[in-house]
PDB file of N, CA and C in Angstrom:
ATOM      1  N   UNK A   1     143.086  77.752 120.804  1.00  0.00           N
ATOM      2  CA  UNK A   1     144.411  77.531 121.440  1.00  0.00           C
ATOM      3  C   UNK A   1     144.188  77.633 123.260  1.00  0.00           C
ATOM      4  N   UNK A   2     144.938  76.794 123.701  1.00  0.00           N
ATOM      5  CA  UNK A   2     144.853  76.669 125.475  1.00  0.00           C
ATOM      6  C   UNK A   2     146.094  76.805 125.924  1.00  0.00           C
ATOM      7  N   UNK A   3     145.936  77.073 127.158  1.00  0.00           N
ATOM      8  CA  UNK A   3     147.295  77.176 127.812  1.00  0.00           C
ATOM      9  C   UNK A   3     147.686  76.181 128.449  1.00  0.00           C
ATOM     10  N   UNK A   4     149.002  75.462 128.066  1.00  0.00           N
ATOM     11  CA  UNK A   4     149.587  74.134 128.485  1.00  0.00           C
ATOM     12  C   UNK A   4     150.370  74.347 129.720  1.00  0.00           C
ATOM     13  N   UNK A   5     150.966  75.488 129.668  1.00  0.00           N
ATOM     14  CA  UNK A   5     151.953  75.706 130.370  1.00  0.00           C
ATOM     15  C   UNK A   5     152.361  77.274 130.635  1.00  0.00           C
ATOM     16  N   UNK A   6     152.463  77.678 132.060  1.00  0.00           N
ATOM     17  CA  UNK A   6     152.692  78.988 132.273  1.00  0.00           C
ATOM     18  C   UNK A   6     154.330  79.129 132.702  1.00  0.00           C
ATOM     19  N   UNK A   7     155.094  79.764 131.987  1.00  0.00           N
ATOM     20  CA  UNK A   7     156.672  79.769 132.467  1.00  0.00           C
ATOM     21  C   UNK A   7     157.011  81.075 133.168  1.00  0.00           C
ATOM     22  N   UNK A   8     157.931  80.837 134.039  1.00  0.00           N
ATOM     23  CA  UNK A   8     158.630  81.766 134.813  1.00  0.00           C
ATOM     24  C   UNK A   8     159.770  82.631 133.949  1.00  0.00           C
ATOM     25  N   UNK A   9     160.350  81.939 133.097  1.00  0.00           N
ATOM     26  CA  UNK A   9     161.469  82.268 132.144  1.00  0.00           C
ATOM     27  C   UNK A   9     161.310  81.736 130.895  1.00  0.00           C
ATOM     28  N   UNK A  10     162.238  82.342 130.075  1.00  0.00           N
ATOM     29  CA  UNK A  10     162.102  82.077 128.650  1.00  0.00           C
ATOM     30  C   UNK A  10     162.821  80.381 128.201  1.00  0.00           C
ATOM     31  N   UNK A  11     163.704  80.243 129.273  1.00  0.00           N
ATOM     32  CA  UNK A  11     164.189  78.881 129.119  1.00  0.00           C
ATOM     33  C   UNK A  11     163.095  77.906 129.427  1.00  0.00           C
ATOM     34  N   UNK A  12     162.472  78.073 130.586  1.00  0.00           N
ATOM     35  CA  UNK A  12     161.492  77.230 130.677  1.00  0.00           C
ATOM     36  C   UNK A  12     160.402  76.943 129.736  1.00  0.00           C
ATOM     37  N   UNK A  13     159.919  78.086 129.188  1.00  0.00           N
ATOM     38  CA  UNK A  13     158.988  78.169 128.118  1.00  0.00           C
ATOM     39  C   UNK A  13     159.291  77.259 126.733  1.00  0.00           C
ATOM     40  N   UNK A  14     160.787  77.798 126.419  1.00  0.00           N
ATOM     41  CA  UNK A  14     161.185  76.610 125.517  1.00  0.00           C
ATOM     42  C   UNK A  14     161.443  75.275 125.683  1.00  0.00           C
ATOM     43  N   UNK A  15     161.677  74.980 126.869  1.00  0.00           N
ATOM     44  CA  UNK A  15     161.989  73.530 127.349  1.00  0.00           C
ATOM     45  C   UNK A  15     160.557  72.794 127.289  1.00  0.00           C
ATOM     46  N   UNK A  16     159.364  73.633 127.802  1.00  0.00           N
ATOM     47  CA  UNK A  16     157.925  73.065 127.476  1.00  0.00           C
ATOM     48  C   UNK A  16     157.718  72.864 126.154  1.00  0.00           C
ATOM     49  N   UNK A  17     158.054  73.856 125.253  1.00  0.00           N
ATOM     50  CA  UNK A  17     157.515  73.543 123.792  1.00  0.00           C
ATOM     51  C   UNK A  17     158.535  72.567 123.175  1.00  0.00           C
ATOM     52  N   UNK A  18     159.862  72.356 123.516  1.00  0.00           N
ATOM     53  CA  UNK A  18     160.411  71.217 123.059  1.00  0.00           C
ATOM     54  C   UNK A  18     159.815  69.829 123.424  1.00  0.00           C
ATOM     55  N   UNK A  19     159.485  69.834 124.528  1.00  0.00           N
ATOM     56  CA  UNK A  19     158.818  68.473 125.294  1.00  0.00           C
ATOM     57  C   UNK A  19     157.660  68.253 124.408  1.00  0.00           C
ATOM     58  N   UNK A  20     157.009  69.018 124.313  1.00  0.00           N
ATOM     59  CA  UNK A  20     155.509  69.055 123.473  1.00  0.00           C
ATOM     60  C   UNK A  20     155.660  68.556 122.025  1.00  0.00           C
ATOM     61  N   UNK A  21     156.877  69.358 121.301  1.00  0.00           N
ATOM     62  CA  UNK A  21     157.152  68.943 119.969  1.00  0.00           C
ATOM     63  C   UNK A  21     157.630  67.595 119.882  1.00  0.00           C
ATOM     64  N   UNK A  22     158.423  67.130 120.804  1.00  0.00           N
ATOM     65  CA  UNK A  22     158.875  65.650 120.762  1.00  0.00           C
ATOM     66  C   UNK A  22     157.903  64.613 120.704  1.00  0.00           C
ATOM     67  N   UNK A  23     156.817  64.977 121.314  1.00  0.00           N
ATOM     68  CA  UNK A  23     155.510  64.008 121.140  1.00  0.00           C
ATOM     69  C   UNK A  23     154.680  64.722 120.153  1.00  0.00           C
ATOM     70  N   UNK A  24     154.870  65.140 119.175  1.00  0.00           N
ATOM     71  CA  UNK A  24     154.364  65.688 117.957  1.00  0.00           C
ATOM     72  C   UNK A  24     153.046  66.383 118.246  1.00  0.00           C
ATOM     73  N   UNK A  25     152.867  67.299 119.265  1.00  0.00           N
ATOM     74  CA  UNK A  25     152.006  68.237 119.769  1.00  0.00           C
ATOM     75  C   UNK A  25     152.494  69.587 119.173  1.00  0.00           C
ATOM     76  N   UNK A  26     151.939  70.200 118.314  1.00  0.00           N
ATOM     77  CA  UNK A  26     152.136  71.834 117.993  1.00  0.00           C
ATOM     78  C   UNK A  26     152.133  72.712 119.134  1.00  0.00           C
ATOM     79  N   UNK A  27     153.214  73.319 119.462  1.00  0.00           N
ATOM     80  CA  UNK A  27     153.110  74.279 120.645  1.00  0.00           C
ATOM     81  C   UNK A  27     153.770  75.434 120.190  1.00  0.00           C
ATOM     82  N   UNK A  28     153.340  76.878 120.854  1.00  0.00           N
ATOM     83  CA  UNK A  28     153.528  77.939 120.640  1.00  0.00           C
ATOM     84  C   UNK A  28     153.815  78.839 121.832  1.00  0.00           C
ATOM     85  N   UNK A  29     155.052  79.579 122.054  1.00  0.00           N
ATOM     86  CA  UNK A  29     155.305  80.591 123.149  1.00  0.00           C
ATOM     87  C   UNK A  29     154.770  81.852 122.776  1.00  0.00           C
ATOM     88  N   UNK A  30     153.935  82.131 123.543  1.00  0.00           N
ATOM     89  CA  UNK A  30     153.313  83.684 123.436  1.00  0.00           C
ATOM     90  C   UNK A  30     153.815  84.481 124.624  1.00  0.00           C
ATOM     91  N   UNK A  31     154.088  85.619 124.278  1.00  0.00           N
ATOM     92  CA  UNK A  31     154.550  86.511 125.298  1.00  0.00           C
ATOM     93  C   UNK A  31     156.190  86.696 125.261  1.00  0.00           C
ATOM     94  N   UNK A  32     156.678  86.157 124.384  1.00  0.00           N
ATOM     95  CA  UNK A  32     158.218  86.160 124.356  1.00  0.00           C
ATOM     96  C   UNK A  32     158.583  87.602 123.843  1.00  0.00           C
ATOM     97  N   UNK A  33     157.996  88.054 123.002  1.00  0.00           N
ATOM     98  CA  UNK A  33     158.319  89.427 122.628  1.00  0.00           C
ATOM     99  C   UNK A  33     158.021  90.317 123.480  1.00  0.00           C
ATOM    100  N   UNK A  34     157.360  90.043 124.421  1.00  0.00           N
ATOM    101  CA  UNK A  34     156.921  91.273 125.576  1.00  0.00           C
ATOM    102  C   UNK A  34     158.152  91.523 126.535  1.00  0.00           C
ATOM    103  N   UNK A  35     159.158  90.624 126.709  1.00  0.00           N
ATOM    104  CA  UNK A  35     160.140  90.408 127.810  1.00  0.00           C
ATOM    105  C   UNK A  35     160.851  91.835 127.655  1.00  0.00           C
ATOM    106  N   UNK A  36     161.131  92.342 126.563  1.00  0.00           N
ATOM    107  CA  UNK A  36     162.039  93.524 126.497  1.00  0.00           C
ATOM    108  C   UNK A  36     161.163  94.806 126.717  1.00  0.00           C
ATOM    109  N   UNK A  37     159.847  94.625 126.902  1.00  0.00           N
ATOM    110  CA  UNK A  37     159.056  95.890 127.109  1.00  0.00           C
ATOM    111  C   UNK A  37     159.257  96.341 128.336  1.00  0.00           C
ATOM    112  N   UNK A  38     159.679  95.551 129.304  1.00  0.00           N
ATOM    113  CA  UNK A  38     159.668  95.985 130.629  1.00  0.00           C
ATOM    114  C   UNK A  38     161.119  96.627 131.002  1.00  0.00           C
ATOM    115  N   UNK A  39     162.024  96.790 130.247  1.00  0.00           N
ATOM    116  CA  UNK A  39     163.072  97.427 130.518  1.00  0.00           C
ATOM    117  C   UNK A  39     164.145  96.452 131.430  1.00  0.00           C
ATOM    118  N   UNK A  40     164.440  96.883 132.662  1.00  0.00           N
ATOM    119  CA  UNK A  40     165.300  96.359 133.437  1.00  0.00           C
ATOM    120  C   UNK A  40     164.509  95.394 134.520  1.00  0.00           C
ATOM    121  N   UNK A  41     163.024  95.805 134.469  1.00  0.00           N
ATOM    122  CA  UNK A  41     162.238  95.325 135.487  1.00  0.00           C
ATOM    123  C   UNK A  41     161.821  93.911 135.019  1.00  0.00           C
ATOM    124  N   UNK A  42     161.858  92.773 135.606  1.00  0.00           N
ATOM    125  CA  UNK A  42     161.394  91.440 135.293  1.00  0.00           C
ATOM    126  C   UNK A  42     159.728  91.309 135.255  1.00  0.00           C
ATOM    127  N   UNK A  43     159.287  90.913 134.250  1.00  0.00           N
ATOM    128  CA  UNK A  43     157.919  90.734 133.984  1.00  0.00           C
ATOM    129  C   UNK A  43     157.276  89.290 134.273  1.00  0.00           C
ATOM    130  N   UNK A  44     156.223  89.014 134.829  1.00  0.00           N
ATOM    131  CA  UNK A  44     155.937  87.704 135.465  1.00  0.00           C
ATOM    132  C   UNK A  44     154.432  87.316 134.956  1.00  0.00           C
ATOM    133  N   UNK A  45     154.330  86.261 134.349  1.00  0.00           N
ATOM    134  CA  UNK A  45     153.043  85.939 134.020  1.00  0.00           C
ATOM    135  C   UNK A  45     152.812  86.103 132.613  1.00  0.00           C
ATOM    136  N   UNK A  46     153.769  86.427 131.838  1.00  0.00           N
ATOM    137  CA  UNK A  46     153.618  86.827 130.341  1.00  0.00           C
ATOM    138  C   UNK A  46     153.862  85.656 129.356  1.00  0.00           C
ATOM    139  N   UNK A  47     154.683  84.759 129.878  1.00  0.00           N
ATOM    140  CA  UNK A  47     155.019  83.592 129.039  1.00  0.00           C
ATOM    141  C   UNK A  47     154.088  82.646 129.200  1.00  0.00           C
ATOM    142  N   UNK A  48     153.704  82.266 128.082  1.00  0.00           N
ATOM    143  CA  UNK A  48     152.666  80.877 127.998  1.00  0.00           C
ATOM    144  C   UNK A  48     152.753  80.104 127.051  1.00  0.00           C
ATOM    145  N   UNK A  49     152.839  78.704 127.108  1.00  0.00           N
ATOM    146  CA  UNK A  49     153.159  77.789 125.841  1.00  0.00           C
ATOM    147  C   UNK A  49     151.524  77.306 125.660  1.00  0.00           C
ATOM    148  N   UNK A  50     151.142  77.316 124.659  1.00  0.00           N
ATOM    149  CA  UNK A  50     149.648  77.299 124.262  1.00  0.00           C
ATOM    150  C   UNK A  50     149.857  76.033 123.213  1.00  0.00           C
ATOM    151  N   UNK A  51     148.769  75.181 123.112  1.00  0.00           N
ATOM    152  CA  UNK A  51     148.476  74.176 122.412  1.00  0.00           C
ATOM    153  C   UNK A  51     147.137  74.185 121.855  1.00  0.00           C
ATOM    154  N   UNK A  52     146.914  73.463 120.623  1.00  0.00           N
ATOM    155  CA  UNK A  52     145.433  73.430 120.079  1.00  0.00           C
ATOM    156  C   UNK A  52     144.476  72.944 121.105  1.00  0.00           C
ATOM    157  N   UNK A  53     143.322  73.340 121.038  1.00  0.00           N
ATOM    158  CA  UNK A  53     142.506  72.821 121.940  1.00  0.00           C
ATOM    159  C   UNK A  53     142.493  71.318 122.165  1.00  0.00           C
ATOM    160  N   UNK A  54     142.244  70.659 121.166  1.00  0.00           N
ATOM    161  CA  UNK A  54     142.315  69.248 121.138  1.00  0.00           C
ATOM    162  C   UNK A  54     143.453  68.489 121.721  1.00  0.00           C
ATOM    163  N   UNK A  55     144.506  69.066 121.894  1.00  0.00           N
ATOM    164  CA  UNK A  55     145.804  68.532 122.298  1.00  0.00           C
ATOM    165  C   UNK A  55     146.208  68.825 123.648  1.00  0.00           C
ATOM    166  N   UNK A  56     145.102  69.594 124.297  1.00  0.00           N
ATOM    167  CA  UNK A  56     145.484  69.798 125.729  1.00  0.00           C
ATOM    168  C   UNK A  56     145.735  68.733 126.653  1.00  0.00           C
ATOM    169  N   UNK A  57     144.674  67.507 126.696  1.00  0.00           N
ATOM    170  CA  UNK A  57     144.908  66.468 127.694  1.00  0.00           C
ATOM    171  C   UNK A  57     146.397  65.830 127.268  1.00  0.00           C
ATOM    172  N   UNK A  58     146.701  65.597 126.003  1.00  0.00           N
ATOM    173  CA  UNK A  58     148.030  64.831 125.780  1.00  0.00           C
ATOM    174  C   UNK A  58     149.262  65.838 126.139  1.00  0.00           C
ATOM    175  N   UNK A  59     149.066  67.283 125.997  1.00  0.00           N
ATOM    176  CA  UNK A  59     150.080  68.140 126.391  1.00  0.00           C
ATOM    177  C   UNK A  59     150.265  68.165 127.793  1.00  0.00           C
ATOM    178  N   UNK A  60     149.489  68.090 128.746  1.00  0.00           N
ATOM    179  CA  UNK A  60     149.406  68.017 130.055  1.00  0.00           C
ATOM    180  C   UNK A  60     150.168  66.731 130.613  1.00  0.00           C
ATOM    181  N   UNK A  61     149.789  65.654 130.033  1.00  0.00           N
ATOM    182  CA  UNK A  61     150.296  64.265 130.100  1.00  0.00           C
ATOM    183  C   UNK A  61     151.939  64.268 130.029  1.00  0.00           C
ATOM    184  N   UNK A  62     152.162  64.871 128.632  1.00  0.00           N
ATOM    185  CA  UNK A  62     153.680  65.082 128.437  1.00  0.00           C
ATOM    186  C   UNK A  62     154.577  65.827 129.055  1.00  0.00           C
ATOM    187  N   UNK A  63     153.569  67.004 129.715  1.00  0.00           N
ATOM    188  CA  UNK A  63     154.608  67.890 130.526  1.00  0.00           C
ATOM    189  C   UNK A  63     154.584  67.377 132.037  1.00  0.00           C
ATOM    190  N   UNK A  64     153.741  66.432 132.384  1.00  0.00           N
ATOM    191  CA  UNK A  64     153.685  66.004 133.611  1.00  0.00           C
ATOM    192  C   UNK A  64     154.808  64.889 133.717  1.00  0.00           C
ATOM    193  N   UNK A  65     154.926  64.149 132.564  1.00  0.00           N
ATOM    194  CA  UNK A  65     155.800  62.956 132.499  1.00  0.00           C
ATOM    195  C   UNK A  65     157.215  63.544 132.595  1.00  0.00           C
ATOM    196  N   UNK A  66     157.476  64.763 131.884  1.00  0.00           N
ATOM    197  CA  UNK A  66     158.756  65.633 132.126  1.00  0.00           C
ATOM    198  C   UNK A  66     159.189  66.057 133.231  1.00  0.00           C
ATOM    199  N   UNK A  67     158.115  66.395 134.298  1.00  0.00           N
ATOM    200  CA  UNK A  67     158.348  66.876 135.361  1.00  0.00           C
ATOM    201  C   UNK A  67     158.226  68.292 135.491  1.00  0.00           C
ATOM    202  N   UNK A  68     157.375  68.810 134.393  1.00  0.00           N
ATOM    203  CA  UNK A  68     157.492  70.199 134.461  1.00  0.00           C
ATOM    204  C   UNK A  68     156.238  70.876 135.067  1.00  0.00           C
ATOM    205  N   UNK A  69     155.348  69.929 135.355  1.00  0.00           N
ATOM    206  CA  UNK A  69     154.164  70.377 136.053  1.00  0.00           C
ATOM    207  C   UNK A  69     154.112  69.949 137.728  1.00  0.00           C
ATOM    208  N   UNK A  70     155.203  69.358 138.097  1.00  0.00           N
ATOM    209  CA  UNK A  70     155.231  69.361 139.466  1.00  0.00           C
ATOM    210  C   UNK A  70     155.577  70.340 140.152  1.00  0.00           C
ATOM    211  N   UNK A  71     155.143  70.559 141.255  1.00  0.00           N
ATOM    212  CA  UNK A  71     155.315  71.787 142.251  1.00  0.00           C
ATOM    213  C   UNK A  71     156.823  71.969 142.625  1.00  0.00           C
ATOM    214  N   UNK A  72     157.165  73.193 143.323  1.00  0.00           N
ATOM    215  CA  UNK A  72     158.617  73.323 143.600  1.00  0.00           C
ATOM    216  C   UNK A  72     158.914  72.322 144.579  1.00  0.00           C
ATOM    217  N   UNK A  73     160.431  72.109 144.325  1.00  0.00           N
ATOM    218  CA  UNK A  73     161.163  71.034 145.439  1.00  0.00           C
ATOM    219  C   UNK A  73     161.361  71.578 146.594  1.00  0.00           C
ATOM    220  N   UNK A  74     161.322  72.849 146.901  1.00  0.00           N
ATOM    221  CA  UNK A  74     161.605  73.604 148.000  1.00  0.00           C
ATOM    222  C   UNK A  74     160.572  73.072 148.879  1.00  0.00           C
ATOM    223  N   UNK A  75     160.959  72.963 150.538  1.00  0.00           N
ATOM    224  CA  UNK A  75     160.073  72.655 151.456  1.00  0.00           C
ATOM    225  C   UNK A  75     159.145  74.250 151.596  1.00  0.00           C
ATOM    226  N   UNK A  76     157.950  73.965 151.974  1.00  0.00           N
ATOM    227  CA  UNK A  76     157.061  75.094 152.433  1.00  0.00           C
ATOM    228  C   UNK A  76     157.503  75.307 153.862  1.00  0.00           C
ATOM    229  N   UNK A  77     156.921  76.228 154.463  1.00  0.00           N
ATOM    230  CA  UNK A  77     157.079  76.765 155.819  1.00  0.00           C
ATOM    231  C   UNK A  77     156.790  75.550 156.857  1.00  0.00           C
ATOM    232  N   UNK A  78     155.766  74.862 156.407  1.00  0.00           N
ATOM    233  CA  UNK A  78     154.838  73.773 157.420  1.00  0.00           C
ATOM    234  C   UNK A  78     155.642  72.764 157.343  1.00  0.00           C
ATOM    235  N   UNK A  79     156.539  72.447 156.128  1.00  0.00           N
ATOM    236  CA  UNK A  79     157.236  71.109 156.246  1.00  0.00           C
ATOM    237  C   UNK A  79     158.636  71.015 156.821  1.00  0.00           C
ATOM    238  N   UNK A  80     159.061  72.370 157.136  1.00  0.00           N
ATOM    239  CA  UNK A  80     160.315  72.464 157.969  1.00  0.00           C
ATOM    240  C   UNK A  80     160.284  72.024 159.308  1.00  0.00           C
ATOM    241  N   UNK A  81     161.423  71.380 159.690  1.00  0.00           N
ATOM    242  CA  UNK A  81     161.440  70.771 160.984  1.00  0.00           C
ATOM    243  C   UNK A  81     161.399  72.163 162.035  1.00  0.00           C
ATOM    244  N   UNK A  82     160.469  71.746 163.210  1.00  0.00           N
ATOM    245  CA  UNK A  82     160.577  72.720 164.308  1.00  0.00           C
ATOM    246  C   UNK A  82     161.864  73.140 165.056  1.00  0.00           C
ATOM    247  N   UNK A  83     162.277  74.153 164.939  1.00  0.00           N
ATOM    248  CA  UNK A  83     163.470  74.276 165.710  1.00  0.00           C
ATOM    249  C   UNK A  83     163.433  74.985 167.151  1.00  0.00           C
ATOM    250  N   UNK A  84     162.005  74.928 167.678  1.00  0.00           N
ATOM    251  CA  UNK A  84     161.851  75.354 168.988  1.00  0.00           C
ATOM    252  C   UNK A  84     162.001  76.840 169.214  1.00  0.00           C
ATOM    253  N   UNK A  85     162.509  77.338 168.162  1.00  0.00           N
ATOM    254  CA  UNK A  85     162.577  79.149 168.146  1.00  0.00           C
ATOM    255  C   UNK A  85     161.166  79.870 167.913  1.00  0.00           C
ATOM    256  N   UNK A  86     160.801  80.784 168.472  1.00  0.00           N
ATOM    257  CA  UNK A  86     159.787  81.518 168.033  1.00  0.00           C
ATOM    258  C   UNK A  86     160.025  82.590 167.205  1.00  0.00           C
ATOM    259  N   UNK A  87     159.303  83.325 166.443  1.00  0.00           N
ATOM    260  CA  UNK A  87     159.581  84.460 165.564  1.00  0.00           C
ATOM    261  C   UNK A  87     159.625  85.532 166.466  1.00  0.00           C
ATOM    262  N   UNK A  88     160.571  86.584 166.126  1.00  0.00           N
ATOM    263  CA  UNK A  88     160.715  87.815 167.040  1.00  0.00           C
ATOM    264  C   UNK A  88     159.355  88.697 167.023  1.00  0.00           C
TER     265      UNK A  88
END
């Protein structure tokens, strides 16, 4: 099994899983049962969507086509317009 997608939350993990299953790639969400172990603290990096080794290239293509592998749409600090103000 290979990790095709690392999810930030359970909704994203199952969205990726359904995208892969729609193109007939078997996908499994690992780490789902660990979410309750942290109590009220959020756990990060535990949700992984895995596929068989041979399906990894096709899985990445499907996830890319669905827009799930794109970076965040928020601008980074370097992309923000210069306001002329200096930090304190």
